[in-house]
C-alpha cells in the first residue's frame, strides 16, 4: 500500500515528480514465527525486528521502473520498520521521498494533462516466482485534509489511481513480469 503524504515537487524541465510517501509491503514467510518469551511475553500481535535481525530476513526486491531517486526519511533515525506478526506475515514500512520520471507532453499546453504511470515489480524474480498485488482496500491512502480526491498545487491538479490487473512488460531476454501500475 502507499500513503501519499504530499506532492513535494514537479519539475517540468527534468520531467520529474517528487512525492513524500509511506510505503508498506507485506508478505508471508512460514519459516518465521515470533517466539513468545516467558520472561517478556508478546503483548502485541507482532515483534519489531532490530536492524541486526532485518539483515537475516528475506525481503522482496521491489523494482520501480520509473524511479529516479528514493530517499528514506530520517529525523533521529531512518523512518523504516520491519514487523513479524504471529501469523508469519512480515510488514516492511518506510517513509520516503520518491522522485519519478514522467514522460510529459506539452503539445496541448496550457490545457495539457500529464499521465505518469509508475510500475512496481520484482527485479530478479519471474511472474511464477513472485507477484506484487495492490491491497483490495486502501491501496492508496491520503491525508485527512486531502478533500475531494485531488492534490491542488499552484499550477497543477494531481490525482492518483491503481490498476488491480497486472500489466506485463517484457525486458531483455528474461521472462515477462507483471507490473502493478499506479499513476
N, C-alpha and C. Protein backbone atom coordinates (compact mmCIF):
# COMPACT_ATOMS: atom_id res chain seq x y z
N UNK A 1 0.85 -1.18 0.00
CA UNK A 1 0.00 0.00 0.00
C UNK A 1 0.89 1.23 0.00
N UNK A 2 0.29 2.33 -0.34
CA UNK A 2 1.04 3.58 -0.44
C UNK A 2 0.21 4.69 0.17
N UNK A 3 0.77 5.33 1.21
CA UNK A 3 0.15 6.51 1.80
C UNK A 3 0.87 7.69 1.18
N UNK A 4 0.15 8.47 0.40
CA UNK A 4 0.75 9.62 -0.28
C UNK A 4 0.54 10.84 0.60
N UNK A 5 1.61 11.28 1.23
CA UNK A 5 1.55 12.38 2.19
C UNK A 5 1.43 13.73 1.49
N UNK A 6 2.23 13.92 0.44
CA UNK A 6 2.15 15.18 -0.31
C UNK A 6 2.97 15.08 -1.59
N UNK A 7 2.64 15.96 -2.52
CA UNK A 7 3.46 16.15 -3.71
C UNK A 7 4.50 17.18 -3.32
N UNK A 8 5.76 16.81 -3.32
CA UNK A 8 6.78 17.75 -2.86
C UNK A 8 7.41 18.53 -4.01
N UNK A 9 7.14 18.13 -5.25
CA UNK A 9 7.67 18.91 -6.35
C UNK A 9 7.31 18.36 -7.72
N UNK A 10 7.22 19.25 -8.69
CA UNK A 10 7.05 18.89 -10.09
C UNK A 10 8.09 19.68 -10.86
N UNK A 11 8.96 18.99 -11.58
CA UNK A 11 10.00 19.65 -12.37
C UNK A 11 9.71 19.36 -13.84
N UNK A 12 9.12 20.35 -14.52
CA UNK A 12 8.74 20.16 -15.92
C UNK A 12 9.96 20.00 -16.82
N UNK A 13 11.05 20.71 -16.52
CA UNK A 13 12.26 20.62 -17.34
C UNK A 13 12.89 19.23 -17.29
N UNK A 14 12.96 18.65 -16.09
CA UNK A 14 13.52 17.31 -15.94
C UNK A 14 12.49 16.21 -16.15
N UNK A 15 11.21 16.61 -16.28
CA UNK A 15 10.09 15.67 -16.39
C UNK A 15 10.09 14.70 -15.21
N UNK A 16 10.05 15.28 -14.00
CA UNK A 16 10.07 14.51 -12.76
C UNK A 16 8.99 15.00 -11.81
N UNK A 17 8.50 14.06 -11.00
CA UNK A 17 7.55 14.37 -9.93
C UNK A 17 8.11 13.78 -8.65
N UNK A 18 8.09 14.58 -7.58
CA UNK A 18 8.55 14.12 -6.26
C UNK A 18 7.35 14.00 -5.34
N UNK A 19 7.25 12.86 -4.66
CA UNK A 19 6.17 12.67 -3.69
C UNK A 19 6.75 12.14 -2.39
N UNK A 20 6.15 12.57 -1.28
CA UNK A 20 6.51 12.06 0.04
C UNK A 20 5.49 10.98 0.38
N UNK A 21 5.98 9.79 0.68
CA UNK A 21 5.10 8.64 0.88
C UNK A 21 5.49 7.83 2.10
N UNK A 22 4.56 7.00 2.51
CA UNK A 22 4.84 5.89 3.42
C UNK A 22 4.47 4.64 2.63
N UNK A 23 5.47 3.85 2.31
CA UNK A 23 5.29 2.64 1.51
C UNK A 23 5.25 1.44 2.45
N UNK A 24 4.29 0.55 2.22
CA UNK A 24 4.17 -0.64 3.05
C UNK A 24 4.06 -1.86 2.14
N UNK A 25 4.93 -2.83 2.37
CA UNK A 25 4.95 -4.07 1.61
C UNK A 25 4.82 -5.22 2.61
N UNK A 26 3.92 -6.16 2.33
CA UNK A 26 3.77 -7.30 3.24
C UNK A 26 3.88 -8.61 2.47
N UNK A 27 4.35 -9.64 3.16
CA UNK A 27 4.48 -10.97 2.59
C UNK A 27 4.50 -11.99 3.72
N UNK A 28 4.27 -13.23 3.36
CA UNK A 28 4.28 -14.31 4.35
C UNK A 28 5.55 -15.13 4.21
N UNK A 29 6.13 -15.49 5.33
CA UNK A 29 7.29 -16.37 5.36
C UNK A 29 7.05 -17.39 6.47
N UNK A 30 6.50 -18.57 6.12
CA UNK A 30 6.13 -19.56 7.14
C UNK A 30 7.32 -20.07 7.94
N UNK A 31 8.55 -19.80 7.49
CA UNK A 31 9.73 -20.21 8.25
C UNK A 31 9.92 -19.38 9.51
N UNK A 32 9.27 -18.21 9.55
CA UNK A 32 9.45 -17.29 10.67
C UNK A 32 8.19 -17.20 11.52
N UNK A 33 8.36 -17.37 12.81
CA UNK A 33 7.27 -17.22 13.77
C UNK A 33 7.87 -16.55 15.00
N UNK A 34 7.25 -15.48 15.51
CA UNK A 34 7.81 -14.86 16.71
C UNK A 34 7.76 -15.82 17.89
N UNK A 35 8.83 -15.83 18.67
CA UNK A 35 8.91 -16.69 19.85
C UNK A 35 8.35 -15.94 21.04
N UNK A 36 7.42 -16.59 21.74
CA UNK A 36 6.83 -15.98 22.93
C UNK A 36 7.73 -16.30 24.12
N UNK A 37 8.43 -15.30 24.59
CA UNK A 37 9.37 -15.44 25.69
C UNK A 37 8.62 -15.40 27.02
N UNK A 38 8.76 -16.42 27.90
CA UNK A 38 8.04 -16.40 29.18
C UNK A 38 8.45 -15.23 30.06
N UNK A 39 9.69 -14.77 29.93
CA UNK A 39 10.16 -13.63 30.72
C UNK A 39 9.55 -12.33 30.20
N UNK A 40 9.48 -12.20 28.88
CA UNK A 40 8.91 -11.00 28.26
C UNK A 40 7.89 -11.44 27.21
N UNK A 41 6.69 -11.83 27.64
CA UNK A 41 5.70 -12.34 26.68
C UNK A 41 5.26 -11.26 25.68
N UNK A 42 4.85 -11.74 24.51
CA UNK A 42 4.37 -10.82 23.48
C UNK A 42 3.09 -10.14 23.95
N UNK A 43 3.11 -8.82 23.96
CA UNK A 43 1.91 -8.07 24.34
C UNK A 43 1.18 -7.56 23.11
N UNK A 44 1.83 -7.63 21.95
CA UNK A 44 1.24 -7.18 20.69
C UNK A 44 1.13 -8.38 19.76
N UNK A 45 0.49 -8.18 18.63
CA UNK A 45 0.36 -9.23 17.62
C UNK A 45 1.62 -9.36 16.77
N UNK A 46 2.62 -8.52 17.03
CA UNK A 46 3.83 -8.52 16.21
C UNK A 46 5.06 -8.26 17.07
N UNK A 47 6.22 -8.53 16.46
CA UNK A 47 7.52 -8.21 17.05
C UNK A 47 8.20 -7.26 16.08
N UNK A 48 8.75 -6.18 16.60
CA UNK A 48 9.53 -5.24 15.78
C UNK A 48 10.94 -5.80 15.67
N UNK A 49 11.39 -6.07 14.44
CA UNK A 49 12.72 -6.64 14.25
C UNK A 49 13.78 -5.56 14.36
N UNK A 50 14.89 -5.89 14.97
CA UNK A 50 16.00 -4.95 15.12
C UNK A 50 16.74 -4.84 13.78
N UNK A 51 17.63 -3.85 13.68
CA UNK A 51 18.42 -3.71 12.46
C UNK A 51 19.23 -4.96 12.17
N UNK A 52 19.80 -5.58 13.21
CA UNK A 52 20.59 -6.80 13.02
C UNK A 52 19.70 -7.94 12.53
N UNK A 53 18.50 -8.06 13.07
CA UNK A 53 17.57 -9.12 12.65
C UNK A 53 17.09 -8.90 11.21
N UNK A 54 16.95 -7.65 10.82
CA UNK A 54 16.50 -7.35 9.45
C UNK A 54 17.47 -7.89 8.41
N UNK A 55 18.75 -7.89 8.76
CA UNK A 55 19.78 -8.36 7.81
C UNK A 55 19.65 -9.85 7.52
N UNK A 56 18.98 -10.60 8.39
CA UNK A 56 18.89 -12.05 8.23
C UNK A 56 17.57 -12.49 7.60
N UNK A 57 16.68 -11.56 7.32
CA UNK A 57 15.34 -11.88 6.81
C UNK A 57 15.28 -11.59 5.31
N UNK A 58 14.67 -12.51 4.55
CA UNK A 58 14.46 -12.29 3.13
C UNK A 58 13.44 -11.16 2.95
N UNK A 59 13.74 -10.25 2.03
CA UNK A 59 12.85 -9.12 1.73
C UNK A 59 12.64 -9.08 0.21
N UNK A 60 11.40 -8.86 -0.26
CA UNK A 60 11.16 -8.78 -1.71
C UNK A 60 12.01 -7.70 -2.37
N UNK A 61 12.41 -7.94 -3.59
CA UNK A 61 13.24 -6.99 -4.34
C UNK A 61 12.35 -6.08 -5.18
N UNK A 62 11.74 -5.12 -4.55
CA UNK A 62 10.83 -4.20 -5.23
C UNK A 62 11.61 -3.34 -6.22
N UNK A 63 11.11 -3.32 -7.45
CA UNK A 63 11.71 -2.53 -8.52
C UNK A 63 10.65 -1.56 -9.03
N UNK A 64 11.01 -0.29 -9.15
CA UNK A 64 10.11 0.73 -9.68
C UNK A 64 10.75 1.25 -10.97
N UNK A 65 10.14 0.92 -12.08
CA UNK A 65 10.75 1.20 -13.39
C UNK A 65 11.04 2.68 -13.62
N UNK A 66 10.17 3.57 -13.20
CA UNK A 66 10.33 5.00 -13.46
C UNK A 66 11.12 5.71 -12.35
N UNK A 67 11.66 4.98 -11.42
CA UNK A 67 12.34 5.58 -10.28
C UNK A 67 13.61 6.31 -10.70
N UNK A 68 13.73 7.56 -10.27
CA UNK A 68 14.96 8.31 -10.43
C UNK A 68 15.76 8.29 -9.13
N UNK A 69 15.03 8.48 -8.02
CA UNK A 69 15.71 8.53 -6.72
C UNK A 69 14.71 8.24 -5.61
N UNK A 70 15.18 7.55 -4.58
CA UNK A 70 14.37 7.29 -3.40
C UNK A 70 15.23 7.64 -2.19
N UNK A 71 14.73 8.56 -1.38
CA UNK A 71 15.44 8.96 -0.16
C UNK A 71 14.59 8.56 1.03
N UNK A 72 15.10 7.64 1.85
CA UNK A 72 14.39 7.25 3.06
C UNK A 72 14.48 8.42 4.03
N UNK A 73 13.32 8.80 4.58
CA UNK A 73 13.28 9.93 5.51
C UNK A 73 13.99 9.55 6.81
N UNK A 74 14.62 10.53 7.42
CA UNK A 74 15.29 10.30 8.69
C UNK A 74 15.23 11.57 9.52
N UNK A 75 14.90 11.42 10.77
CA UNK A 75 14.99 12.51 11.73
C UNK A 75 16.14 12.16 12.66
N UNK A 76 15.84 11.46 13.75
CA UNK A 76 16.89 10.97 14.61
C UNK A 76 17.44 9.64 14.09
N UNK A 77 16.58 8.90 13.41
CA UNK A 77 16.98 7.66 12.76
C UNK A 77 16.11 7.46 11.53
N UNK A 78 16.50 6.51 10.70
CA UNK A 78 15.77 6.22 9.47
C UNK A 78 14.32 5.83 9.77
N UNK A 79 13.38 6.38 9.01
CA UNK A 79 11.96 6.06 9.19
C UNK A 79 11.62 4.78 8.44
N UNK A 80 11.90 3.66 9.08
CA UNK A 80 11.56 2.37 8.50
C UNK A 80 11.37 1.36 9.62
N UNK A 81 10.56 0.35 9.33
CA UNK A 81 10.37 -0.71 10.32
C UNK A 81 10.07 -2.01 9.60
N UNK A 82 10.39 -3.11 10.26
CA UNK A 82 10.05 -4.43 9.77
C UNK A 82 9.44 -5.19 10.93
N UNK A 83 8.17 -5.57 10.77
CA UNK A 83 7.44 -6.27 11.82
C UNK A 83 7.13 -7.70 11.39
N UNK A 84 7.26 -8.60 12.35
CA UNK A 84 6.91 -10.00 12.15
C UNK A 84 5.68 -10.28 13.01
N UNK A 85 4.59 -10.66 12.34
CA UNK A 85 3.33 -10.94 13.04
C UNK A 85 3.23 -12.42 13.42
N UNK A 86 2.35 -12.72 14.35
CA UNK A 86 2.19 -14.09 14.85
C UNK A 86 1.81 -15.07 13.75
N UNK A 87 1.16 -14.60 12.68
CA UNK A 87 0.76 -15.49 11.58
C UNK A 87 1.85 -15.62 10.50
N UNK A 88 3.09 -15.24 10.82
CA UNK A 88 4.26 -15.31 9.93
C UNK A 88 4.22 -14.29 8.79
N UNK A 89 3.40 -13.27 8.92
CA UNK A 89 3.38 -12.18 7.95
C UNK A 89 4.42 -11.15 8.37
N UNK A 90 5.18 -10.69 7.40
CA UNK A 90 6.14 -9.61 7.64
C UNK A 90 5.60 -8.35 6.96
N UNK A 91 5.77 -7.21 7.61
CA UNK A 91 5.34 -5.94 7.05
C UNK A 91 6.51 -4.97 7.12
N UNK A 92 6.96 -4.54 5.95
CA UNK A 92 8.03 -3.55 5.85
C UNK A 92 7.40 -2.20 5.56
N UNK A 93 7.73 -1.20 6.35
CA UNK A 93 7.21 0.15 6.16
C UNK A 93 8.37 1.12 6.09
N UNK A 94 8.31 2.04 5.13
CA UNK A 94 9.33 3.09 5.06
C UNK A 94 8.66 4.42 4.74
N UNK A 95 9.23 5.48 5.28
CA UNK A 95 8.85 6.83 4.91
C UNK A 95 9.91 7.33 3.94
N UNK A 96 9.49 7.82 2.78
CA UNK A 96 10.47 8.19 1.77
C UNK A 96 9.97 9.32 0.88
N UNK A 97 10.92 10.00 0.28
CA UNK A 97 10.64 10.90 -0.82
C UNK A 97 11.05 10.16 -2.08
N UNK A 98 10.11 10.02 -3.01
CA UNK A 98 10.37 9.29 -4.24
C UNK A 98 10.30 10.27 -5.41
N UNK A 99 11.32 10.23 -6.25
CA UNK A 99 11.34 11.05 -7.46
C UNK A 99 11.16 10.11 -8.65
N UNK A 100 10.08 10.35 -9.42
CA UNK A 100 9.73 9.53 -10.57
C UNK A 100 9.99 10.28 -11.86
N UNK A 101 10.37 9.54 -12.89
CA UNK A 101 10.44 10.06 -14.25
C UNK A 101 9.03 10.03 -14.81
N UNK A 102 8.62 11.11 -15.48
CA UNK A 102 7.31 11.17 -16.11
C UNK A 102 7.49 11.77 -17.49
N UNK A 103 7.22 10.97 -18.53
CA UNK A 103 7.33 11.48 -19.90
C UNK A 103 6.18 12.45 -20.14
N UNK A 104 6.49 13.74 -20.11
CA UNK A 104 5.47 14.78 -20.22
C UNK A 104 5.32 15.23 -21.67
N UNK A 105 4.10 15.57 -22.03
CA UNK A 105 3.78 16.03 -23.38
C UNK A 105 3.07 17.38 -23.24
N UNK A 106 3.70 18.43 -23.75
CA UNK A 106 3.17 19.78 -23.59
C UNK A 106 2.52 20.33 -24.86
N UNK A 107 2.19 19.47 -25.81
CA UNK A 107 1.60 19.89 -27.08
C UNK A 107 0.32 20.69 -26.85
N UNK A 108 -0.50 20.30 -25.91
CA UNK A 108 -1.77 20.98 -25.66
C UNK A 108 -1.67 22.06 -24.58
N UNK A 109 -0.44 22.45 -24.22
CA UNK A 109 -0.26 23.48 -23.20
C UNK A 109 -1.04 24.74 -23.58
N UNK A 110 -1.74 25.36 -22.69
CA UNK A 110 -1.81 25.18 -21.24
C UNK A 110 -2.92 24.22 -20.81
N UNK A 111 -3.52 23.49 -21.74
CA UNK A 111 -4.60 22.57 -21.39
C UNK A 111 -4.12 21.12 -21.37
N UNK A 112 -2.82 20.92 -21.20
CA UNK A 112 -2.26 19.58 -21.22
C UNK A 112 -2.60 18.81 -19.95
N UNK A 113 -2.68 17.51 -20.11
CA UNK A 113 -2.89 16.58 -18.99
C UNK A 113 -1.75 15.58 -19.04
N UNK A 114 -1.04 15.44 -17.95
CA UNK A 114 0.09 14.51 -17.89
C UNK A 114 -0.34 13.23 -17.18
N UNK A 115 -0.01 12.10 -17.75
CA UNK A 115 -0.25 10.80 -17.10
C UNK A 115 1.13 10.20 -16.83
N UNK A 116 1.34 9.86 -15.59
CA UNK A 116 2.66 9.37 -15.17
C UNK A 116 2.53 7.97 -14.58
N UNK A 117 2.58 6.94 -15.41
CA UNK A 117 2.50 5.58 -14.86
C UNK A 117 3.72 5.27 -14.02
N UNK A 118 3.48 4.52 -12.96
CA UNK A 118 4.55 4.07 -12.07
C UNK A 118 4.38 2.56 -11.93
N UNK A 119 5.35 1.81 -12.40
CA UNK A 119 5.26 0.35 -12.42
C UNK A 119 6.09 -0.27 -11.31
N UNK A 120 5.44 -1.10 -10.49
CA UNK A 120 6.10 -1.82 -9.40
C UNK A 120 6.22 -3.28 -9.81
N UNK A 121 7.39 -3.87 -9.62
CA UNK A 121 7.58 -5.28 -9.95
C UNK A 121 8.78 -5.81 -9.19
N UNK A 122 9.12 -7.06 -9.47
CA UNK A 122 10.34 -7.65 -8.94
C UNK A 122 11.45 -7.40 -9.94
N UNK A 123 12.66 -7.21 -9.45
CA UNK A 123 13.80 -7.00 -10.33
C UNK A 123 14.32 -8.33 -10.88
N UNK A 124 14.42 -9.35 -10.01
CA UNK A 124 15.07 -10.59 -10.43
C UNK A 124 14.18 -11.82 -10.50
N UNK A 125 12.95 -11.73 -9.99
CA UNK A 125 12.08 -12.90 -9.98
C UNK A 125 11.07 -12.83 -11.11
N UNK A 126 10.69 -14.00 -11.64
CA UNK A 126 9.70 -14.06 -12.71
C UNK A 126 8.29 -14.02 -12.12
N UNK A 127 7.30 -13.96 -13.00
CA UNK A 127 5.89 -13.96 -12.60
C UNK A 127 5.56 -15.21 -11.79
N UNK A 128 6.13 -16.33 -12.18
CA UNK A 128 5.85 -17.58 -11.48
C UNK A 128 6.43 -17.58 -10.07
N UNK A 129 7.50 -16.82 -9.85
CA UNK A 129 8.19 -16.83 -8.56
C UNK A 129 7.67 -15.76 -7.60
N UNK A 130 7.25 -14.63 -8.12
CA UNK A 130 6.80 -13.54 -7.25
C UNK A 130 5.80 -12.65 -7.97
N UNK A 131 4.77 -12.25 -7.25
CA UNK A 131 3.75 -11.38 -7.82
C UNK A 131 3.42 -10.29 -6.80
N UNK A 132 3.50 -9.05 -7.23
CA UNK A 132 3.09 -7.92 -6.40
C UNK A 132 1.63 -7.61 -6.70
N UNK A 133 0.85 -7.39 -5.67
CA UNK A 133 -0.57 -7.02 -5.84
C UNK A 133 -0.88 -5.86 -4.91
N UNK A 134 -1.72 -4.95 -5.38
CA UNK A 134 -2.23 -3.90 -4.52
C UNK A 134 -3.25 -4.51 -3.57
N UNK A 135 -3.34 -3.96 -2.40
CA UNK A 135 -4.42 -4.38 -1.50
C UNK A 135 -5.75 -4.10 -2.19
N UNK A 136 -6.76 -4.88 -1.85
CA UNK A 136 -8.07 -4.62 -2.45
C UNK A 136 -8.72 -3.41 -1.80
N UNK A 137 -8.39 -3.15 -0.55
CA UNK A 137 -8.90 -1.96 0.14
C UNK A 137 -7.72 -1.09 0.58
N UNK A 138 -7.89 0.20 0.46
CA UNK A 138 -6.89 1.17 0.91
C UNK A 138 -5.51 0.96 0.28
N UNK A 139 -5.47 0.65 -1.00
CA UNK A 139 -4.19 0.51 -1.70
C UNK A 139 -3.46 1.85 -1.70
N UNK A 140 -4.20 2.91 -1.97
CA UNK A 140 -3.66 4.27 -1.89
C UNK A 140 -4.45 5.02 -0.83
N UNK A 141 -3.76 5.66 0.08
CA UNK A 141 -4.44 6.48 1.08
C UNK A 141 -3.78 7.85 1.11
N UNK A 142 -4.53 8.81 1.65
CA UNK A 142 -4.11 10.20 1.61
C UNK A 142 -4.37 10.87 2.95
N UNK A 143 -3.77 12.04 3.18
CA UNK A 143 -4.03 12.77 4.43
C UNK A 143 -5.52 13.14 4.55
N UNK A 144 -5.97 13.34 5.79
CA UNK A 144 -7.37 13.69 6.03
C UNK A 144 -7.78 14.99 5.35
N UNK A 145 -6.84 15.92 5.20
CA UNK A 145 -7.17 17.21 4.57
C UNK A 145 -7.07 17.14 3.05
N UNK A 146 -6.96 15.95 2.51
CA UNK A 146 -6.86 15.76 1.07
C UNK A 146 -8.13 16.19 0.37
N UNK A 147 -9.27 16.07 1.03
CA UNK A 147 -10.52 16.60 0.49
C UNK A 147 -11.16 15.71 -0.55
N UNK A 148 -11.39 16.27 -1.75
CA UNK A 148 -12.21 15.62 -2.78
C UNK A 148 -11.44 14.64 -3.68
N UNK A 149 -10.25 14.24 -3.28
CA UNK A 149 -9.51 13.26 -4.07
C UNK A 149 -8.48 13.84 -5.01
N UNK A 150 -8.20 15.14 -4.92
CA UNK A 150 -7.20 15.77 -5.78
C UNK A 150 -6.26 16.62 -4.95
N UNK A 151 -4.97 16.52 -5.25
CA UNK A 151 -4.00 17.44 -4.67
C UNK A 151 -4.03 18.71 -5.51
N UNK A 152 -4.12 19.84 -4.88
CA UNK A 152 -4.10 21.10 -5.61
C UNK A 152 -2.79 21.81 -5.31
N UNK A 153 -2.03 22.03 -6.36
CA UNK A 153 -0.77 22.76 -6.28
C UNK A 153 -0.97 24.06 -7.03
N UNK A 154 -0.07 25.03 -6.86
CA UNK A 154 -0.27 26.32 -7.54
C UNK A 154 -0.55 26.21 -9.04
N UNK A 155 0.10 25.30 -9.76
CA UNK A 155 -0.10 25.19 -11.20
C UNK A 155 -0.71 23.87 -11.64
N UNK A 156 -1.04 23.00 -10.68
CA UNK A 156 -1.44 21.64 -11.05
C UNK A 156 -2.60 21.13 -10.20
N UNK A 157 -3.32 20.18 -10.76
CA UNK A 157 -4.25 19.35 -10.00
C UNK A 157 -3.76 17.92 -10.23
N UNK A 158 -3.50 17.18 -9.15
CA UNK A 158 -2.91 15.85 -9.25
C UNK A 158 -3.86 14.83 -8.65
N UNK A 159 -4.12 13.75 -9.38
CA UNK A 159 -4.94 12.66 -8.85
C UNK A 159 -4.18 11.35 -9.00
N UNK A 160 -4.60 10.32 -8.27
CA UNK A 160 -3.92 9.03 -8.26
C UNK A 160 -4.93 7.91 -8.42
N UNK A 161 -4.50 6.80 -9.03
CA UNK A 161 -5.33 5.61 -9.09
C UNK A 161 -4.41 4.39 -9.24
N UNK A 162 -4.94 3.21 -8.96
CA UNK A 162 -4.19 1.97 -9.17
C UNK A 162 -4.92 1.11 -10.17
N UNK A 163 -4.17 0.24 -10.84
CA UNK A 163 -4.75 -0.78 -11.69
C UNK A 163 -4.56 -2.10 -10.97
N UNK A 164 -5.64 -2.79 -10.70
CA UNK A 164 -5.55 -4.06 -9.98
C UNK A 164 -5.05 -5.20 -10.85
N UNK A 165 -5.29 -5.11 -12.15
CA UNK A 165 -4.85 -6.18 -13.05
C UNK A 165 -3.38 -5.98 -13.40
N UNK A 166 -2.58 -7.05 -13.34
CA UNK A 166 -1.17 -6.93 -13.70
C UNK A 166 -1.01 -6.54 -15.17
N UNK A 167 -0.07 -5.69 -15.45
CA UNK A 167 0.29 -5.31 -16.81
C UNK A 167 1.64 -5.95 -17.08
N UNK A 168 1.77 -6.70 -18.16
CA UNK A 168 3.03 -7.40 -18.43
C UNK A 168 3.89 -6.56 -19.35
N UNK A 169 5.13 -6.36 -18.94
CA UNK A 169 6.11 -5.61 -19.72
C UNK A 169 7.31 -6.52 -19.92
N UNK A 170 7.81 -6.63 -21.14
CA UNK A 170 8.95 -7.51 -21.43
C UNK A 170 10.24 -6.71 -21.37
N UNK A 171 11.23 -7.24 -20.64
CA UNK A 171 12.55 -6.63 -20.54
C UNK A 171 13.59 -7.60 -21.04
N UNK A 172 14.46 -7.19 -21.94
CA UNK A 172 15.58 -8.02 -22.36
C UNK A 172 15.16 -9.41 -22.78
N UNK A 173 15.95 -10.40 -22.38
CA UNK A 173 15.70 -11.79 -22.76
C UNK A 173 14.99 -12.58 -21.67
N UNK A 174 14.75 -11.97 -20.52
CA UNK A 174 14.13 -12.68 -19.41
C UNK A 174 12.65 -12.89 -19.62
N UNK A 175 12.08 -13.66 -18.71
CA UNK A 175 10.64 -13.89 -18.77
C UNK A 175 9.92 -12.61 -18.37
N UNK A 176 8.74 -12.39 -18.95
CA UNK A 176 8.00 -11.18 -18.59
C UNK A 176 7.54 -11.24 -17.14
N UNK A 177 7.40 -10.07 -16.54
CA UNK A 177 6.93 -9.99 -15.16
C UNK A 177 5.75 -9.05 -15.07
N UNK A 178 4.83 -9.29 -14.12
CA UNK A 178 3.69 -8.39 -14.00
C UNK A 178 4.13 -7.10 -13.32
N UNK A 179 3.53 -6.03 -13.70
CA UNK A 179 3.83 -4.75 -13.09
C UNK A 179 2.53 -4.18 -12.57
N UNK A 180 2.45 -3.99 -11.28
CA UNK A 180 1.28 -3.32 -10.75
C UNK A 180 1.48 -1.85 -10.99
N UNK A 181 0.47 -1.24 -11.51
CA UNK A 181 0.57 0.07 -12.11
C UNK A 181 -0.14 1.09 -11.25
N UNK A 182 0.46 2.22 -11.07
CA UNK A 182 -0.16 3.33 -10.35
C UNK A 182 0.15 4.58 -11.14
N UNK A 183 -0.76 5.53 -11.13
CA UNK A 183 -0.50 6.81 -11.80
C UNK A 183 -0.77 7.93 -10.85
